[in-house]
C-alpha atoms as a PDB file:
ATOM      1  CA  UNK A   1     -34.031 -52.282-108.875  1.00  0.00           C
ATOM      2  CA  UNK A   2     -37.327 -50.482-108.351  1.00  0.00           C
ATOM      3  CA  UNK A   3     -37.761 -52.138-104.952  1.00  0.00           C
ATOM      4  CA  UNK A   4     -34.175 -51.360-104.025  1.00  0.00           C
ATOM      5  CA  UNK A   5     -34.612 -47.687-104.933  1.00  0.00           C
ATOM      6  CA  UNK A   6     -37.882 -47.556-102.976  1.00  0.00           C
ATOM      7  CA  UNK A   7     -36.203 -49.146 -99.938  1.00  0.00           C
ATOM      8  CA  UNK A   8     -33.313 -46.695-100.093  1.00  0.00           C
ATOM      9  CA  UNK A   9     -35.735 -43.788-100.404  1.00  0.00           C
ATOM     10  CA  UNK A  10     -37.706 -45.019 -97.412  1.00  0.00           C
ATOM     11  CA  UNK A  11     -34.485 -45.440 -95.424  1.00  0.00           C
ATOM     12  CA  UNK A  12     -33.367 -41.907 -96.300  1.00  0.00           C
ATOM     13  CA  UNK A  13     -36.753 -40.546 -95.325  1.00  0.00           C
ATOM     14  CA  UNK A  14     -36.575 -42.405 -92.015  1.00  0.00           C
ATOM     15  CA  UNK A  15     -33.107 -40.999 -91.352  1.00  0.00           C
ATOM     16  CA  UNK A  16     -34.368 -37.489 -92.068  1.00  0.00           C
ATOM     17  CA  UNK A  17     -37.368 -37.971 -89.774  1.00  0.00           C
ATOM     18  CA  UNK A  18     -35.158 -39.366 -87.010  1.00  0.00           C
ATOM     19  CA  UNK A  19     -32.694 -36.506 -87.464  1.00  0.00           C
ATOM     20  CA  UNK A  20     -35.449 -33.921 -87.159  1.00  0.00           C
ATOM     21  CA  UNK A  21     -36.850 -35.703 -84.104  1.00  0.00           C
ATOM     22  CA  UNK A  22     -33.381 -35.794 -82.529  1.00  0.00           C
ATOM     23  CA  UNK A  23     -32.850 -32.087 -83.136  1.00  0.00           C
ATOM     24  CA  UNK A  24     -36.233 -31.277 -81.600  1.00  0.00           C
ATOM     25  CA  UNK A  25     -35.476 -33.518 -78.606  1.00  0.00           C
ATOM     26  CA  UNK A  26     -32.152 -31.759 -78.067  1.00  0.00           C
ATOM     27  CA  UNK A  27     -33.827 -28.370 -78.250  1.00  0.00           C
ATOM     28  CA  UNK A  28     -36.451 -29.438 -75.725  1.00  0.00           C
ATOM     29  CA  UNK A  29     -33.724 -30.820 -73.466  1.00  0.00           C
ATOM     30  CA  UNK A  30     -31.721 -27.600 -73.754  1.00  0.00           C
ATOM     31  CA  UNK A  31     -34.797 -25.503 -73.021  1.00  0.00           C
ATOM     32  CA  UNK A  32     -35.595 -27.692 -70.025  1.00  0.00           C
ATOM     33  CA  UNK A  33     -32.041 -27.335 -68.684  1.00  0.00           C
ATOM     34  CA  UNK A  34     -32.172 -23.562 -69.125  1.00  0.00           C
ATOM     35  CA  UNK A  35     -35.500 -23.410 -67.310  1.00  0.00           C
ATOM     36  CA  UNK A  36     -34.189 -25.549 -64.449  1.00  0.00           C
ATOM     37  CA  UNK A  37     -31.083 -23.370 -64.246  1.00  0.00           C
ATOM     38  CA  UNK A  38     -33.271 -20.272 -64.094  1.00  0.00           C
ATOM     39  CA  UNK A  39     -35.400 -21.805 -61.346  1.00  0.00           C
ATOM     40  CA  UNK A  40     -32.307 -22.791 -59.355  1.00  0.00           C
ATOM     41  CA  UNK A  41     -30.918 -19.271 -59.705  1.00  0.00           C
ATOM     42  CA  UNK A  42     -34.205 -17.826 -58.488  1.00  0.00           C
ATOM     43  CA  UNK A  43     -34.137 -20.204 -55.518  1.00  0.00           C
ATOM     44  CA  UNK A  44     -30.582 -19.181 -54.675  1.00  0.00           C
ATOM     45  CA  UNK A  45     -31.469 -15.502 -54.876  1.00  0.00           C
ATOM     46  CA  UNK A  46     -34.515 -16.070 -52.685  1.00  0.00           C
ATOM     47  CA  UNK A  47     -32.439 -17.984 -50.127  1.00  0.00           C
ATOM     48  CA  UNK A  48     -29.826 -15.212 -50.126  1.00  0.00           C
ATOM     49  CA  UNK A  49     -32.475 -12.518 -49.590  1.00  0.00           C
ATOM     50  CA  UNK A  50     -34.006 -14.549 -46.771  1.00  0.00           C
ATOM     51  CA  UNK A  51     -30.629 -14.973 -45.106  1.00  0.00           C
ATOM     52  CA  UNK A  52     -29.854 -11.259 -45.380  1.00  0.00           C
ATOM     53  CA  UNK A  53     -33.277 -10.247 -44.042  1.00  0.00           C
ATOM     54  CA  UNK A  54     -32.948 -12.652 -41.115  1.00  0.00           C
ATOM     55  CA  UNK A  55     -29.508 -11.279 -40.288  1.00  0.00           C
ATOM     56  CA  UNK A  56     -30.757  -7.702 -40.505  1.00  0.00           C
ATOM     57  CA  UNK A  57     -33.537  -8.574 -38.068  1.00  0.00           C
ATOM     58  CA  UNK A  58     -31.007 -10.087 -35.661  1.00  0.00           C
ATOM     59  CA  UNK A  59     -28.731  -7.057 -35.969  1.00  0.00           C
ATOM     60  CA  UNK A  60     -31.674  -4.754 -35.301  1.00  0.00           C
ATOM     61  CA  UNK A  61     -32.571  -6.699 -32.164  1.00  0.00           C
ATOM     62  CA  UNK A  62     -28.985  -6.612 -30.864  1.00  0.00           C
ATOM     63  CA  UNK A  63     -28.513  -2.915 -31.590  1.00  0.00           C
ATOM     64  CA  UNK A  64     -31.860  -2.221 -29.945  1.00  0.00           C
ATOM     65  CA  UNK A  65     -30.480  -3.782 -26.763  1.00  0.00           C
ATOM     66  CA  UNK A  66     -27.294  -1.718 -27.069  1.00  0.00           C
ATOM     67  CA  UNK A  67     -29.169   1.570 -27.439  1.00  0.00           C
ATOM     68  CA  UNK A  68     -31.599   0.679 -24.640  1.00  0.00           C
ATOM     69  CA  UNK A  69     -28.684  -0.068 -22.326  1.00  0.00           C
ATOM     70  CA  UNK A  70     -26.968   3.250 -23.037  1.00  0.00           C
ATOM     71  CA  UNK A  71     -30.143   5.291 -22.629  1.00  0.00           C
ATOM     72  CA  UNK A  72     -30.852   3.570 -19.305  1.00  0.00           C
ATOM     73  CA  UNK A  73     -27.296   4.346 -18.205  1.00  0.00           C
ATOM     74  CA  UNK A  74     -27.760   7.998 -19.144  1.00  0.00           C
ATOM     75  CA  UNK A  75     -30.952   8.219 -17.091  1.00  0.00           C
ATOM     76  CA  UNK A  76     -29.299   6.715 -14.015  1.00  0.00           C
ATOM     77  CA  UNK A  77     -26.167   8.864 -14.261  1.00  0.00           C
ATOM     78  CA  UNK A  78     -28.168  12.042 -14.893  1.00  0.00           C
ATOM     79  CA  UNK A  79     -30.257  11.328 -11.800  1.00  0.00           C
ATOM     80  CA  UNK A  80     -27.101  10.766  -9.741  1.00  0.00           C
ATOM     81  CA  UNK A  81     -25.587  14.025 -11.014  1.00  0.00           C
ATOM     82  CA  UNK A  82     -28.725  15.953 -10.086  1.00  0.00           C
ATOM     83  CA  UNK A  83     -28.651  14.572  -6.551  1.00  0.00           C
ATOM     84  CA  UNK A  84     -25.041  15.633  -5.841  1.00  0.00           C
ATOM     85  CA  UNK A  85     -24.709  18.677  -8.091  1.00  0.00           C
ATOM     86  CA  UNK A  86     -24.770  21.194  -5.239  1.00  0.00           C
ATOM     87  CA  UNK A  87     -22.844  19.253  -2.589  1.00  0.00           C
ATOM     88  CA  UNK A  88     -20.331  17.075  -4.513  1.00  0.00           C
ATOM     89  CA  UNK A  89     -19.415  18.839  -7.759  1.00  0.00           C
ATOM     90  CA  UNK A  90     -16.575  16.428  -8.625  1.00  0.00           C
ATOM     91  CA  UNK A  91     -18.885  13.416  -8.406  1.00  0.00           C
ATOM     92  CA  UNK A  92     -21.526  15.292 -10.391  1.00  0.00           C
ATOM     93  CA  UNK A  93     -18.976  16.069 -13.111  1.00  0.00           C
ATOM     94  CA  UNK A  94     -17.958  12.401 -13.314  1.00  0.00           C
ATOM     95  CA  UNK A  95     -21.588  11.367 -13.642  1.00  0.00           C
ATOM     96  CA  UNK A  96     -22.170  13.926 -16.395  1.00  0.00           C
ATOM     97  CA  UNK A  97     -19.119  12.674 -18.268  1.00  0.00           C
ATOM     98  CA  UNK A  98     -20.591   9.172 -18.094  1.00  0.00           C
ATOM     99  CA  UNK A  99     -23.845  10.556 -19.504  1.00  0.00           C
ATOM    100  CA  UNK A 100     -21.937  12.215 -22.361  1.00  0.00           C
ATOM    101  CA  UNK A 101     -20.020   9.019 -23.168  1.00  0.00           C
ATOM    102  CA  UNK A 102     -23.149   6.883 -23.106  1.00  0.00           C
ATOM    103  CA  UNK A 103     -24.951   9.400 -25.291  1.00  0.00           C
ATOM    104  CA  UNK A 104     -22.196   9.380 -27.906  1.00  0.00           C
ATOM    105  CA  UNK A 105     -22.176   5.593 -27.976  1.00  0.00           C
ATOM    106  CA  UNK A 106     -25.956   5.454 -28.262  1.00  0.00           C
ATOM    107  CA  UNK A 107     -25.977   7.961 -31.133  1.00  0.00           C
ATOM    108  CA  UNK A 108     -23.297   5.994 -33.015  1.00  0.00           C
ATOM    109  CA  UNK A 109     -25.247   2.758 -32.685  1.00  0.00           C
ATOM    110  CA  UNK A 110     -28.509   4.518 -33.534  1.00  0.00           C
ATOM    111  CA  UNK A 111     -27.094   5.654 -36.888  1.00  0.00           C
ATOM    112  CA  UNK A 112     -26.495   2.007 -37.753  1.00  0.00           C
ATOM    113  CA  UNK A 113     -29.843   0.952 -36.377  1.00  0.00           C
ATOM    114  CA  UNK A 114     -31.842   3.381 -38.522  1.00  0.00           C
ATOM    115  CA  UNK A 115     -31.010   1.429 -41.660  1.00  0.00           C
ATOM    116  CA  UNK A 116     -31.694  -1.957 -40.117  1.00  0.00           C
ATOM    117  CA  UNK A 117     -35.043  -1.572 -38.413  1.00  0.00           C
ATOM    118  CA  UNK A 118     -37.075  -4.785 -38.662  1.00  0.00           C
ATOM    119  CA  UNK A 119     -40.813  -5.235 -38.024  1.00  0.00           C
ATOM    120  CA  UNK A 120     -41.494  -6.035 -34.395  1.00  0.00           C
ATOM    121  CA  UNK A 121     -42.211  -9.701 -33.774  1.00  0.00           C
ATOM    122  CA  UNK A 122     -44.685 -11.017 -31.258  1.00  0.00           C
ATOM    123  CA  UNK A 123     -43.229 -10.561 -27.809  1.00  0.00           C
ATOM    124  CA  UNK A 124     -40.105  -8.760 -29.072  1.00  0.00           C
ATOM    125  CA  UNK A 125     -41.213  -5.381 -27.753  1.00  0.00           C
ATOM    126  CA  UNK A 126     -40.517  -6.412 -24.173  1.00  0.00           C
ATOM    127  CA  UNK A 127     -37.764  -4.188 -22.722  1.00  0.00           C
ATOM    128  CA  UNK A 128     -36.021  -7.175 -21.208  1.00  0.00           C
ATOM    129  CA  UNK A 129     -36.171 -10.845 -22.070  1.00  0.00           C
ATOM    130  CA  UNK A 130     -35.669 -13.854 -19.877  1.00  0.00           C
ATOM    131  CA  UNK A 131     -32.145 -14.360 -21.213  1.00  0.00           C
ATOM    132  CA  UNK A 132     -29.921 -12.032 -19.179  1.00  0.00           C
ATOM    133  CA  UNK A 133     -26.597 -13.483 -20.376  1.00  0.00           C
ATOM    134  CA  UNK A 134     -23.776 -10.973 -21.022  1.00  0.00           C
ATOM    135  CA  UNK A 135     -23.542  -9.451 -24.493  1.00  0.00           C
ATOM    136  CA  UNK A 136     -21.113 -11.326 -26.795  1.00  0.00           C
ATOM    137  CA  UNK A 137     -17.725  -9.599 -26.769  1.00  0.00           C
ATOM    138  CA  UNK A 138     -14.093 -10.179 -27.676  1.00  0.00           C
ATOM    139  CA  UNK A 139     -13.365  -9.947 -23.973  1.00  0.00           C
ATOM    140  CA  UNK A 140     -15.490 -13.082 -23.523  1.00  0.00           C
ATOM    141  CA  UNK A 141     -13.796 -15.233 -26.143  1.00  0.00           C
ATOM    142  CA  UNK A 142     -12.428 -17.720 -23.611  1.00  0.00           C
ATOM    143  CA  UNK A 143     -15.714 -19.595 -22.991  1.00  0.00           C
ATOM    144  CA  UNK A 144     -16.288 -19.880 -26.761  1.00  0.00           C
ATOM    145  CA  UNK A 145     -12.744 -21.164 -27.337  1.00  0.00           C
ATOM    146  CA  UNK A 146     -13.138 -23.630 -24.475  1.00  0.00           C
ATOM    147  CA  UNK A 147     -16.412 -24.957 -25.921  1.00  0.00           C
ATOM    148  CA  UNK A 148     -14.899 -25.391 -29.379  1.00  0.00           C
ATOM    149  CA  UNK A 149     -11.804 -27.108 -27.977  1.00  0.00           C
ATOM    150  CA  UNK A 150     -13.907 -29.379 -25.777  1.00  0.00           C
ATOM    151  CA  UNK A 151     -15.898 -30.378 -28.863  1.00  0.00           C
ATOM    152  CA  UNK A 152     -12.685 -31.546 -30.555  1.00  0.00           C
ATOM    153  CA  UNK A 153     -11.077 -28.577 -32.362  1.00  0.00           C
ATOM    154  CA  UNK A 154      -7.980 -27.105 -30.664  1.00  0.00           C
ATOM    155  CA  UNK A 155      -7.835 -23.333 -31.117  1.00  0.00           C
ATOM    156  CA  UNK A 156      -4.839 -21.026 -30.804  1.00  0.00           C
ATOM    157  CA  UNK A 157      -5.637 -17.357 -30.136  1.00  0.00           C
ATOM    158  CA  UNK A 158      -3.277 -14.483 -30.950  1.00  0.00           C
ATOM    159  CA  UNK A 159      -3.924 -10.874 -29.919  1.00  0.00           C
ATOM    160  CA  UNK A 160      -1.949  -8.209 -31.773  1.00  0.00           C
ATOM    161  CA  UNK A 161      -1.800  -4.560 -30.831  1.00  0.00           C
ATOM    162  CA  UNK A 162      -3.108  -2.953 -27.667  1.00  0.00           C
ATOM    163  CA  UNK A 163      -6.590  -4.258 -26.768  1.00  0.00           C
ATOM    164  CA  UNK A 164      -8.995  -1.424 -26.030  1.00  0.00           C
ATOM    165  CA  UNK A 165     -12.726  -0.921 -25.589  1.00  0.00           C
ATOM    166  CA  UNK A 166     -14.633  -1.098 -28.874  1.00  0.00           C
ATOM    167  CA  UNK A 167     -18.042   0.239 -29.925  1.00  0.00           C
ATOM    168  CA  UNK A 168     -20.449  -2.406 -28.723  1.00  0.00           C
ATOM    169  CA  UNK A 169     -21.853  -3.216 -32.157  1.00  0.00           C
ATOM    170  CA  UNK A 170     -18.374  -3.781 -33.599  1.00  0.00           C
ATOM    171  CA  UNK A 171     -17.399  -5.843 -30.576  1.00  0.00           C
ATOM    172  CA  UNK A 172     -20.427  -8.105 -31.086  1.00  0.00           C
ATOM    173  CA  UNK A 173     -19.727  -8.335 -34.823  1.00  0.00           C
ATOM    174  CA  UNK A 174     -16.132  -9.447 -34.300  1.00  0.00           C
ATOM    175  CA  UNK A 175     -17.283 -12.076 -31.820  1.00  0.00           C
ATOM    176  CA  UNK A 176     -19.891 -13.381 -34.266  1.00  0.00           C
ATOM    177  CA  UNK A 177     -17.285 -13.672 -37.039  1.00  0.00           C
ATOM    178  CA  UNK A 178     -15.051 -15.824 -34.855  1.00  0.00           C
ATOM    179  CA  UNK A 179     -18.007 -17.845 -33.605  1.00  0.00           C
ATOM    180  CA  UNK A 180     -19.300 -18.596 -37.117  1.00  0.00           C
ATOM    181  CA  UNK A 181     -15.871 -19.425 -38.553  1.00  0.00           C
ATOM    182  CA  UNK A 182     -14.958 -21.765 -35.688  1.00  0.00           C
ATOM    183  CA  UNK A 183     -18.348 -23.447 -35.841  1.00  0.00           C
ATOM    184  CA  UNK A 184     -17.893 -24.088 -39.568  1.00  0.00           C
ATOM    185  CA  UNK A 185     -14.374 -25.376 -38.967  1.00  0.00           C
ATOM    186  CA  UNK A 186     -15.627 -27.715 -36.262  1.00  0.00           C
ATOM    187  CA  UNK A 187     -18.496 -29.025 -38.379  1.00  0.00           C
ATOM    188  CA  UNK A 188     -16.713 -29.397 -41.698  1.00  0.00           C
ATOM    189  CA  UNK A 189     -12.942 -29.357 -41.098  1.00  0.00           C
ATOM    190  CA  UNK A 190     -10.568 -32.204 -40.400  1.00  0.00           C
ATOM    191  CA  UNK A 191     -10.397 -31.400 -36.696  1.00  0.00           C
ATOM    192  CA  UNK A 192      -6.634 -30.748 -36.625  1.00  0.00           C
ATOM    193  CA  UNK A 193      -6.505 -27.151 -35.404  1.00  0.00           C
ATOM    194  CA  UNK A 194      -7.705 -23.590 -35.885  1.00  0.00           C
ATOM    195  CA  UNK A 195      -6.044 -20.221 -35.378  1.00  0.00           C
ATOM    196  CA  UNK A 196      -7.758 -16.995 -34.360  1.00  0.00           C
ATOM    197  CA  UNK A 197      -5.979 -13.663 -34.754  1.00  0.00           C
ATOM    198  CA  UNK A 198      -7.378 -10.366 -33.492  1.00  0.00           C
ATOM    199  CA  UNK A 199      -5.385  -7.264 -34.409  1.00  0.00           C
ATOM    200  CA  UNK A 200      -6.105  -3.877 -32.880  1.00  0.00           C
ATOM    201  CA  UNK A 201      -4.756  -1.417 -35.461  1.00  0.00           C
ATOM    202  CA  UNK A 202      -4.954   2.338 -35.118  1.00  0.00           C
ATOM    203  CA  UNK A 203      -7.972   2.742 -37.372  1.00  0.00           C
ATOM    204  CA  UNK A 204      -9.126  -0.820 -37.991  1.00  0.00           C
ATOM    205  CA  UNK A 205      -9.983  -3.982 -36.190  1.00  0.00           C
ATOM    206  CA  UNK A 206      -8.817  -7.067 -38.093  1.00  0.00           C
ATOM    207  CA  UNK A 207     -10.144 -10.537 -37.347  1.00  0.00           C
ATOM    208  CA  UNK A 208      -8.858 -13.687 -39.022  1.00  0.00           C
ATOM    209  CA  UNK A 209      -9.737 -17.349 -38.488  1.00  0.00           C
ATOM    210  CA  UNK A 210      -7.715 -20.109 -40.168  1.00  0.00           C
ATOM    211  CA  UNK A 211      -8.376 -23.819 -40.023  1.00  0.00           C
ATOM    212  CA  UNK A 212      -6.544 -26.796 -41.492  1.00  0.00           C
ATOM    213  CA  UNK A 213      -7.898 -29.041 -44.227  1.00  0.00           C
ATOM    214  CA  UNK A 214      -7.120 -30.814 -47.513  1.00  0.00           C
ATOM    215  CA  UNK A 215      -4.608 -29.031 -49.731  1.00  0.00           C
ATOM    216  CA  UNK A 216      -5.846 -27.541 -52.994  1.00  0.00           C
ATOM    217  CA  UNK A 217      -2.394 -28.038 -54.535  1.00  0.00           C
ATOM    218  CA  UNK A 218      -2.410 -31.723 -53.662  1.00  0.00           C
ATOM    219  CA  UNK A 219      -5.662 -32.192 -55.537  1.00  0.00           C
ATOM    220  CA  UNK A 220      -7.422 -33.784 -52.580  1.00  0.00           C
ATOM    221  CA  UNK A 221     -11.065 -34.520 -53.083  1.00  0.00           C
ATOM    222  CA  UNK A 222     -13.400 -32.019 -51.555  1.00  0.00           C
ATOM    223  CA  UNK A 223     -16.213 -33.830 -49.867  1.00  0.00           C
ATOM    224  CA  UNK A 224     -19.080 -32.738 -47.666  1.00  0.00           C
ATOM    225  CA  UNK A 225     -16.883 -32.738 -44.583  1.00  0.00           C
ATOM    226  CA  UNK A 226     -13.845 -31.030 -46.074  1.00  0.00           C
ATOM    227  CA  UNK A 227     -15.739 -28.150 -47.653  1.00  0.00           C
ATOM    228  CA  UNK A 228     -17.793 -25.965 -45.360  1.00  0.00           C
ATOM    229  CA  UNK A 229     -20.990 -24.764 -46.921  1.00  0.00           C
ATOM    230  CA  UNK A 230     -20.246 -21.440 -48.516  1.00  0.00           C
ATOM    231  CA  UNK A 231     -16.636 -21.110 -47.375  1.00  0.00           C
ATOM    232  CA  UNK A 232     -15.216 -21.766 -50.817  1.00  0.00           C
ATOM    233  CA  UNK A 233     -16.944 -18.766 -52.325  1.00  0.00           C
ATOM    234  CA  UNK A 234     -18.497 -16.959 -49.386  1.00  0.00           C
ATOM    235  CA  UNK A 235     -22.027 -17.905 -50.422  1.00  0.00           C
ATOM    236  CA  UNK A 236     -23.101 -19.739 -47.287  1.00  0.00           C
ATOM    237  CA  UNK A 237     -26.019 -18.298 -45.355  1.00  0.00           C
ATOM    238  CA  UNK A 238     -23.948 -17.740 -42.226  1.00  0.00           C
ATOM    239  CA  UNK A 239     -21.242 -15.949 -44.178  1.00  0.00           C
ATOM    240  CA  UNK A 240     -23.814 -13.896 -46.079  1.00  0.00           C
ATOM    241  CA  UNK A 241     -25.140 -12.706 -42.761  1.00  0.00           C
ATOM    242  CA  UNK A 242     -21.642 -11.909 -41.509  1.00  0.00           C
ATOM    243  CA  UNK A 243     -20.812  -9.971 -44.667  1.00  0.00           C
ATOM    244  CA  UNK A 244     -24.014  -7.961 -44.212  1.00  0.00           C
ATOM    245  CA  UNK A 245     -23.187  -7.354 -40.557  1.00  0.00           C
ATOM    246  CA  UNK A 246     -19.635  -6.184 -41.369  1.00  0.00           C
ATOM    247  CA  UNK A 247     -20.905  -3.934 -44.178  1.00  0.00           C
ATOM    248  CA  UNK A 248     -23.103  -2.111 -41.656  1.00  0.00           C
ATOM    249  CA  UNK A 249     -19.914  -0.707 -40.113  1.00  0.00           C
ATOM    250  CA  UNK A 250     -18.188   0.035 -43.421  1.00  0.00           C
ATOM    251  CA  UNK A 251     -15.964  -3.047 -43.309  1.00  0.00           C
ATOM    252  CA  UNK A 252     -15.344  -5.986 -45.589  1.00  0.00           C
ATOM    253  CA  UNK A 253     -15.220  -9.758 -45.119  1.00  0.00           C
ATOM    254  CA  UNK A 254     -13.454 -12.383 -47.217  1.00  0.00           C
ATOM    255  CA  UNK A 255     -13.848 -16.174 -46.923  1.00  0.00           C
ATOM    256  CA  UNK A 256     -12.086 -18.671 -49.165  1.00  0.00           C
ATOM    257  CA  UNK A 257     -10.108 -21.893 -49.382  1.00  0.00           C
ATOM    258  CA  UNK A 258      -6.375 -21.740 -48.683  1.00  0.00           C
ATOM    259  CA  UNK A 259      -3.920 -23.167 -51.200  1.00  0.00           C
ATOM    260  CA  UNK A 260      -2.063 -24.962 -48.430  1.00  0.00           C
ATOM    261  CA  UNK A 261      -5.262 -26.508 -47.112  1.00  0.00           C
ATOM    262  CA  UNK A 262      -8.220 -25.484 -45.027  1.00  0.00           C
ATOM    263  CA  UNK A 263     -10.122 -22.214 -45.033  1.00  0.00           C
ATOM    264  CA  UNK A 264      -9.631 -18.598 -44.090  1.00  0.00           C
ATOM    265  CA  UNK A 265     -12.184 -16.064 -42.885  1.00  0.00           C
ATOM    266  CA  UNK A 266     -10.832 -12.531 -42.659  1.00  0.00           C
ATOM    267  CA  UNK A 267     -12.593  -9.273 -41.799  1.00  0.00           C
ATOM    268  CA  UNK A 268     -11.504  -5.670 -41.491  1.00  0.00           C
ATOM    269  CA  UNK A 269     -13.761  -3.211 -39.680  1.00  0.00           C
ATOM    270  CA  UNK A 270     -12.971   0.529 -39.456  1.00  0.00           C
ATOM    271  CA  UNK A 271     -12.981   1.988 -35.947  1.00  0.00           C
ATOM    272  CA  UNK A 272     -12.967   5.683 -36.866  1.00  0.00           C
ATOM    273  CA  UNK A 273     -16.103   5.706 -39.015  1.00  0.00           C
ATOM    274  CA  UNK A 274     -18.473   8.489 -37.835  1.00  0.00           C
END
């Protein structure tokens, strides 16, 4: 009996020791998971800040080109008006109106630029680069659509409302939204089709890109190809940059999965913001 009691006591003590060790191991595991979660969150925040800063730098470079173009136009038109002011007053008036229009456009873009100035990079202070391609614009969507379709994603384009000239920065922004959404659809979608809708409202420009994909309601698995990075919750680097770009003009951007399948990227940008 004495040996039996001693054995039971030793067994109980061992159970207690093992229980304490297990509790400590669980606490260490929990602390390790919390630390890893904190590190991952810090990494995500750092990546988001990097993406936003990179997009701001790109916006600053593009708006710099816009302002430079308008100031150059003002100089040329002012010189032309001075030459014909005494002899051809009608032509001089037309040139001065062009100067006024270019000045208003430049001032509008400059207001946006002031909050987005980025440090000059090596070689970026050249007035003109080697790339003299036309500025991206909704009026130049056709080559983009043709490239996407040639790569394997048919695209249907719908224009609603009366197309009209847009402030250059907004025009570039709308183009970039369509470009990014179609690129994501081409890279990660099922390749069936995509739809682009551009609506010219009285006070807003609305841009929407839809693409087909697995249905959420059908419970299809979402794999690397069927879920574009960041499109489910708008957290992708490209979409972060687009949201920042749209916010510059007082607009908003939404990107999410569609219940019927695929993804939707939708933006609304005000056109009457001072």
